[in-house]
Amino acid sequence: QVQLVESGGGLVQAGDSLRLSCAASGRTLSSNAMGWFRQAPGKEREFVAAISWMGGTYYTDSVKGRFTISRDNAKNTVYLQMNSLKPEDTAVYYCAADSRERGGPLTIRADYWGKGTLVTVSS
């Protein structure tokens, strides 16, 4: 059973940075695409970023140039570095992993989910 555990959320001011981590257990995910999604209050969950098993990345337009997704396969962990945070980035951030191997970031299928970590950006 795959478990994904997010950490690193918190309350920050606009313009600040945060680094989210997602540690996977139960299965090595080095050959699987992984990603981050977020859900703001009153809104649907949306895609933020994904990274393929080879390191290729894909971002939603609103975070391009500000967020960076990366992975450490030795630690079975994926990260989301968030810079220049805006109040509209406030959301619960969820880590997800694709159960299929060798998938690309554009076609990630979120088969496994973490429980989320809250990011609050004050103005």
N, C-alpha and C. Protein backbone atom coordinates (compact mmCIF):
# COMPACT_ATOMS: atom_id res chain seq x y z
N GLN A 1 0.84 -1.18 0.00
CA GLN A 1 0.00 0.00 0.00
C GLN A 1 0.88 1.24 0.00
N VAL A 2 0.69 2.08 -0.99
CA VAL A 2 1.48 3.30 -1.09
C VAL A 2 0.93 4.35 -0.15
N GLN A 3 1.82 4.98 0.59
CA GLN A 3 1.44 6.10 1.43
C GLN A 3 2.27 7.31 1.04
N LEU A 4 1.60 8.44 0.94
CA LEU A 4 2.26 9.71 0.64
C LEU A 4 2.00 10.66 1.78
N VAL A 5 3.06 11.23 2.32
CA VAL A 5 2.93 12.12 3.47
C VAL A 5 3.58 13.46 3.14
N GLU A 6 2.74 14.50 3.11
CA GLU A 6 3.23 15.84 2.81
C GLU A 6 3.67 16.56 4.09
N SER A 7 4.58 17.49 3.93
CA SER A 7 5.00 18.34 5.04
C SER A 7 5.52 19.65 4.46
N GLY A 8 5.66 20.65 5.35
CA GLY A 8 6.24 21.91 4.93
C GLY A 8 5.28 23.07 4.78
N GLY A 9 3.99 22.81 4.93
CA GLY A 9 3.02 23.90 4.81
C GLY A 9 3.10 24.83 6.01
N GLY A 10 2.41 25.96 5.89
CA GLY A 10 2.40 26.91 6.99
C GLY A 10 1.81 28.24 6.57
N LEU A 11 1.93 29.19 7.47
CA LEU A 11 1.43 30.55 7.23
C LEU A 11 2.62 31.46 6.90
N VAL A 12 2.54 32.09 5.74
CA VAL A 12 3.59 33.00 5.32
C VAL A 12 2.97 34.28 4.76
N GLN A 13 3.82 35.27 4.54
CA GLN A 13 3.35 36.52 3.96
C GLN A 13 3.59 36.50 2.45
N ALA A 14 2.86 37.32 1.75
CA ALA A 14 3.04 37.44 0.30
C ALA A 14 4.49 37.78 -0.01
N GLY A 15 5.03 37.10 -1.00
CA GLY A 15 6.42 37.29 -1.38
C GLY A 15 7.39 36.31 -0.75
N ASP A 16 6.93 35.61 0.28
CA ASP A 16 7.78 34.63 0.96
C ASP A 16 7.88 33.34 0.16
N SER A 17 8.69 32.43 0.69
CA SER A 17 8.90 31.13 0.05
C SER A 17 8.57 30.00 1.04
N LEU A 18 8.20 28.86 0.48
CA LEU A 18 8.00 27.64 1.24
C LEU A 18 8.47 26.47 0.40
N ARG A 19 8.89 25.42 1.08
CA ARG A 19 9.26 24.20 0.39
C ARG A 19 8.45 23.05 0.94
N LEU A 20 7.63 22.47 0.10
CA LEU A 20 6.83 21.31 0.48
C LEU A 20 7.60 20.03 0.14
N SER A 21 7.40 19.03 0.99
CA SER A 21 7.99 17.71 0.75
C SER A 21 6.90 16.66 0.76
N CYS A 22 7.13 15.62 0.01
CA CYS A 22 6.19 14.50 -0.03
C CYS A 22 7.02 13.22 0.01
N ALA A 23 6.92 12.51 1.13
CA ALA A 23 7.67 11.27 1.30
C ALA A 23 6.76 10.08 1.01
N ALA A 24 7.23 9.21 0.15
CA ALA A 24 6.46 8.04 -0.22
C ALA A 24 6.98 6.80 0.50
N SER A 25 6.08 5.91 0.83
CA SER A 25 6.46 4.65 1.43
C SER A 25 5.55 3.55 0.90
N GLY A 26 5.99 2.33 1.08
CA GLY A 26 5.20 1.19 0.63
C GLY A 26 5.57 0.70 -0.75
N ARG A 27 6.22 1.56 -1.51
CA ARG A 27 6.62 1.19 -2.88
C ARG A 27 7.63 2.22 -3.36
N THR A 28 8.62 1.77 -4.08
CA THR A 28 9.56 2.71 -4.68
C THR A 28 8.91 3.34 -5.90
N LEU A 29 8.91 4.68 -5.93
CA LEU A 29 8.23 5.40 -7.00
C LEU A 29 9.20 6.08 -7.94
N SER A 30 10.43 5.61 -7.99
CA SER A 30 11.43 6.26 -8.83
C SER A 30 11.11 6.15 -10.32
N SER A 31 10.27 5.21 -10.71
CA SER A 31 9.90 5.06 -12.12
C SER A 31 8.51 5.61 -12.42
N ASN A 32 7.97 6.38 -11.51
CA ASN A 32 6.60 6.86 -11.63
C ASN A 32 6.56 8.39 -11.64
N ALA A 33 5.64 8.93 -12.42
CA ALA A 33 5.41 10.36 -12.36
C ALA A 33 4.76 10.72 -11.03
N MET A 34 5.14 11.88 -10.52
CA MET A 34 4.55 12.37 -9.27
C MET A 34 4.19 13.84 -9.46
N GLY A 35 3.27 14.30 -8.64
CA GLY A 35 2.84 15.67 -8.84
C GLY A 35 2.24 16.30 -7.60
N TRP A 36 1.92 17.56 -7.76
CA TRP A 36 1.26 18.34 -6.71
C TRP A 36 -0.04 18.94 -7.26
N PHE A 37 -1.05 18.88 -6.43
CA PHE A 37 -2.34 19.50 -6.72
C PHE A 37 -2.68 20.39 -5.53
N ARG A 38 -3.66 21.26 -5.70
CA ARG A 38 -4.08 22.09 -4.59
C ARG A 38 -5.56 22.34 -4.65
N GLN A 39 -6.14 22.62 -3.49
CA GLN A 39 -7.56 22.93 -3.41
C GLN A 39 -7.74 24.11 -2.49
N ALA A 40 -8.19 25.21 -3.07
CA ALA A 40 -8.47 26.41 -2.30
C ALA A 40 -9.87 26.32 -1.71
N PRO A 41 -10.14 27.08 -0.65
CA PRO A 41 -11.47 27.05 -0.03
C PRO A 41 -12.57 27.36 -1.04
N GLY A 42 -13.56 26.49 -1.12
CA GLY A 42 -14.68 26.71 -2.00
C GLY A 42 -14.43 26.42 -3.47
N LYS A 43 -13.25 25.88 -3.76
CA LYS A 43 -12.90 25.60 -5.16
C LYS A 43 -12.58 24.12 -5.35
N GLU A 44 -12.54 23.72 -6.60
CA GLU A 44 -12.20 22.34 -6.92
C GLU A 44 -10.68 22.16 -6.85
N ARG A 45 -10.29 20.91 -6.67
CA ARG A 45 -8.87 20.59 -6.67
C ARG A 45 -8.31 20.82 -8.07
N GLU A 46 -7.12 21.42 -8.13
CA GLU A 46 -6.52 21.72 -9.42
C GLU A 46 -5.07 21.25 -9.47
N PHE A 47 -4.62 20.99 -10.68
CA PHE A 47 -3.25 20.57 -10.93
C PHE A 47 -2.30 21.75 -10.71
N VAL A 48 -1.13 21.48 -10.11
CA VAL A 48 -0.12 22.52 -9.92
C VAL A 48 1.15 22.19 -10.73
N ALA A 49 1.71 21.01 -10.50
CA ALA A 49 2.97 20.65 -11.15
C ALA A 49 3.14 19.14 -11.13
N ALA A 50 3.93 18.65 -12.08
CA ALA A 50 4.23 17.22 -12.12
C ALA A 50 5.64 17.02 -12.63
N ILE A 51 6.20 15.87 -12.27
CA ILE A 51 7.55 15.52 -12.70
C ILE A 51 7.56 14.06 -13.11
N SER A 52 8.17 13.79 -14.25
CA SER A 52 8.24 12.42 -14.74
C SER A 52 9.36 11.65 -14.03
N TRP A 53 9.41 10.37 -14.31
CA TRP A 53 10.44 9.55 -13.70
C TRP A 53 11.83 9.97 -14.17
N MET A 54 11.90 10.61 -15.35
CA MET A 54 13.19 11.06 -15.88
C MET A 54 13.52 12.50 -15.49
N GLY A 55 12.59 13.17 -14.82
CA GLY A 55 12.85 14.53 -14.38
C GLY A 55 12.21 15.61 -15.22
N GLY A 56 11.47 15.23 -16.26
CA GLY A 56 10.75 16.23 -17.03
C GLY A 56 9.64 16.84 -16.19
N THR A 57 9.41 18.13 -16.35
CA THR A 57 8.44 18.82 -15.51
C THR A 57 7.36 19.53 -16.32
N TYR A 58 6.27 19.80 -15.64
CA TYR A 58 5.15 20.50 -16.25
C TYR A 58 4.43 21.27 -15.16
N TYR A 59 4.04 22.52 -15.48
CA TYR A 59 3.42 23.40 -14.49
C TYR A 59 2.15 24.02 -15.04
N THR A 60 1.25 24.31 -14.15
CA THR A 60 0.11 25.12 -14.54
C THR A 60 0.61 26.55 -14.74
N ASP A 61 -0.04 27.29 -15.60
CA ASP A 61 0.45 28.62 -15.99
C ASP A 61 0.63 29.57 -14.80
N SER A 62 -0.26 29.48 -13.83
CA SER A 62 -0.25 30.45 -12.73
C SER A 62 0.96 30.33 -11.82
N VAL A 63 1.70 29.22 -11.90
CA VAL A 63 2.85 29.05 -11.01
C VAL A 63 4.17 29.00 -11.77
N LYS A 64 4.12 29.04 -13.08
CA LYS A 64 5.35 29.00 -13.88
C LYS A 64 6.26 30.16 -13.50
N GLY A 65 7.54 29.85 -13.31
CA GLY A 65 8.51 30.87 -12.93
C GLY A 65 8.58 31.13 -11.45
N ARG A 66 7.62 30.60 -10.69
CA ARG A 66 7.62 30.79 -9.24
C ARG A 66 7.81 29.48 -8.47
N PHE A 67 7.24 28.40 -8.99
CA PHE A 67 7.30 27.09 -8.32
C PHE A 67 8.25 26.17 -9.09
N THR A 68 8.93 25.31 -8.35
CA THR A 68 9.81 24.32 -8.96
C THR A 68 9.57 22.96 -8.31
N ILE A 69 9.25 21.99 -9.12
CA ILE A 69 9.08 20.63 -8.62
C ILE A 69 10.37 19.85 -8.87
N SER A 70 10.73 19.02 -7.90
CA SER A 70 11.93 18.20 -8.04
C SER A 70 11.72 16.90 -7.29
N ARG A 71 12.63 15.97 -7.49
CA ARG A 71 12.50 14.69 -6.81
C ARG A 71 13.87 14.15 -6.43
N ASP A 72 13.88 13.37 -5.37
CA ASP A 72 15.07 12.66 -4.92
C ASP A 72 14.68 11.19 -4.86
N ASN A 73 15.02 10.46 -5.89
CA ASN A 73 14.59 9.06 -5.96
C ASN A 73 15.22 8.21 -4.86
N ALA A 74 16.40 8.58 -4.43
CA ALA A 74 17.04 7.82 -3.36
C ALA A 74 16.25 7.91 -2.06
N LYS A 75 15.54 9.03 -1.90
CA LYS A 75 14.74 9.23 -0.69
C LYS A 75 13.26 8.98 -0.95
N ASN A 76 12.92 8.62 -2.20
CA ASN A 76 11.51 8.38 -2.54
C ASN A 76 10.66 9.59 -2.18
N THR A 77 11.17 10.77 -2.50
CA THR A 77 10.56 12.02 -2.07
C THR A 77 10.48 13.01 -3.24
N VAL A 78 9.40 13.75 -3.27
CA VAL A 78 9.23 14.81 -4.24
C VAL A 78 9.04 16.13 -3.49
N TYR A 79 9.51 17.20 -4.09
CA TYR A 79 9.48 18.51 -3.44
C TYR A 79 8.75 19.52 -4.33
N LEU A 80 8.27 20.57 -3.68
CA LEU A 80 7.72 21.71 -4.40
C LEU A 80 8.27 22.97 -3.74
N GLN A 81 9.19 23.61 -4.43
CA GLN A 81 9.73 24.88 -3.96
C GLN A 81 8.83 25.99 -4.47
N MET A 82 8.29 26.75 -3.55
CA MET A 82 7.34 27.81 -3.91
C MET A 82 7.93 29.16 -3.53
N ASN A 83 8.19 29.99 -4.51
CA ASN A 83 8.74 31.32 -4.28
C ASN A 83 7.73 32.38 -4.68
N SER A 84 7.96 33.59 -4.21
CA SER A 84 7.08 34.72 -4.55
C SER A 84 5.62 34.36 -4.35
N LEU A 85 5.32 33.82 -3.21
CA LEU A 85 3.96 33.36 -2.94
C LEU A 85 2.97 34.51 -2.93
N LYS A 86 1.76 34.21 -3.40
CA LYS A 86 0.68 35.19 -3.48
C LYS A 86 -0.50 34.71 -2.63
N PRO A 87 -1.35 35.60 -2.20
CA PRO A 87 -2.53 35.18 -1.44
C PRO A 87 -3.36 34.14 -2.20
N GLU A 88 -3.41 34.24 -3.50
CA GLU A 88 -4.19 33.28 -4.29
C GLU A 88 -3.56 31.89 -4.34
N ASP A 89 -2.37 31.73 -3.79
CA ASP A 89 -1.76 30.40 -3.66
C ASP A 89 -2.25 29.67 -2.41
N THR A 90 -3.02 30.35 -1.59
CA THR A 90 -3.55 29.73 -0.37
C THR A 90 -4.43 28.54 -0.73
N ALA A 91 -4.09 27.39 -0.17
CA ALA A 91 -4.80 26.16 -0.48
C ALA A 91 -4.22 25.02 0.34
N VAL A 92 -4.93 23.91 0.32
CA VAL A 92 -4.36 22.65 0.80
C VAL A 92 -3.64 22.03 -0.39
N TYR A 93 -2.39 21.70 -0.20
CA TYR A 93 -1.57 21.13 -1.26
C TYR A 93 -1.46 19.63 -1.07
N TYR A 94 -1.77 18.90 -2.12
CA TYR A 94 -1.76 17.44 -2.08
C TYR A 94 -0.69 16.89 -3.01
N CYS A 95 -0.02 15.88 -2.52
CA CYS A 95 0.93 15.13 -3.33
C CYS A 95 0.19 13.96 -3.98
N ALA A 96 0.60 13.64 -5.18
CA ALA A 96 -0.03 12.53 -5.89
C ALA A 96 1.02 11.74 -6.66
N ALA A 97 0.73 10.48 -6.89
CA ALA A 97 1.63 9.63 -7.65
C ALA A 97 0.84 8.78 -8.64
N ASP A 98 1.47 8.56 -9.77
CA ASP A 98 0.87 7.73 -10.82
C ASP A 98 1.31 6.29 -10.59
N SER A 99 0.39 5.36 -10.65
CA SER A 99 0.74 3.96 -10.42
C SER A 99 1.45 3.34 -11.62
N ARG A 100 1.33 3.98 -12.79
CA ARG A 100 1.96 3.45 -14.00
C ARG A 100 3.41 3.88 -14.03
N GLU A 101 4.25 3.04 -14.53
CA GLU A 101 5.67 3.38 -14.61
C GLU A 101 5.99 4.06 -15.93
N ARG A 102 7.01 4.94 -15.87
CA ARG A 102 7.56 5.60 -17.05
C ARG A 102 6.56 6.54 -17.72
N GLY A 103 5.68 7.10 -16.94
CA GLY A 103 4.75 8.08 -17.49
C GLY A 103 5.34 9.47 -17.50
N GLY A 104 4.80 10.33 -18.37
CA GLY A 104 5.27 11.70 -18.47
C GLY A 104 4.48 12.62 -17.56
N PRO A 105 4.98 13.85 -17.35
CA PRO A 105 4.31 14.77 -16.44
C PRO A 105 2.98 15.30 -16.98
N LEU A 106 2.85 15.40 -18.31
CA LEU A 106 1.62 15.94 -18.86
C LEU A 106 0.45 14.98 -18.73
N THR A 107 0.75 13.69 -18.61
CA THR A 107 -0.30 12.69 -18.59
C THR A 107 -0.41 12.02 -17.23
N ILE A 108 0.04 12.70 -16.19
CA ILE A 108 0.02 12.09 -14.87
C ILE A 108 -1.40 11.72 -14.46
N ARG A 109 -1.52 10.55 -13.90
CA ARG A 109 -2.79 10.09 -13.37
C ARG A 109 -2.61 9.92 -11.87
N ALA A 110 -3.39 10.64 -11.12
CA ALA A 110 -3.24 10.66 -9.66
C ALA A 110 -3.93 9.44 -9.05
N ASP A 111 -3.19 8.33 -8.98
CA ASP A 111 -3.75 7.11 -8.41
C ASP A 111 -3.58 7.05 -6.89
N TYR A 112 -2.55 7.68 -6.40
CA TYR A 112 -2.29 7.72 -4.97
C TYR A 112 -2.27 9.17 -4.52
N TRP A 113 -2.85 9.41 -3.35
CA TRP A 113 -2.94 10.76 -2.80
C TRP A 113 -2.43 10.81 -1.38
N GLY A 114 -1.81 11.95 -1.04
CA GLY A 114 -1.53 12.23 0.35
C GLY A 114 -2.72 12.91 0.99
N LYS A 115 -2.60 13.23 2.27
CA LYS A 115 -3.71 13.86 2.98
C LYS A 115 -3.67 15.37 2.90
N GLY A 116 -2.57 15.92 2.41
CA GLY A 116 -2.49 17.34 2.18
C GLY A 116 -1.80 18.12 3.29
N THR A 117 -1.29 19.28 2.89
CA THR A 117 -0.68 20.21 3.84
C THR A 117 -1.17 21.61 3.49
N LEU A 118 -1.54 22.37 4.51
CA LEU A 118 -2.15 23.68 4.30
C LEU A 118 -1.09 24.76 4.13
N VAL A 119 -1.26 25.54 3.07
CA VAL A 119 -0.43 26.71 2.82
C VAL A 119 -1.33 27.93 2.86
N THR A 120 -1.00 28.87 3.73
CA THR A 120 -1.78 30.10 3.84
C THR A 120 -0.85 31.28 3.59
N VAL A 121 -1.22 32.10 2.63
CA VAL A 121 -0.40 33.26 2.27
C VAL A 121 -1.20 34.51 2.60
N SER A 122 -0.69 35.30 3.51
CA SER A 122 -1.38 36.53 3.90
C SER A 122 -0.86 37.71 3.08
N SER A 123 -1.74 38.67 2.88
CA SER A 123 -1.38 39.84 2.06
C SER A 123 -0.76 40.94 2.90
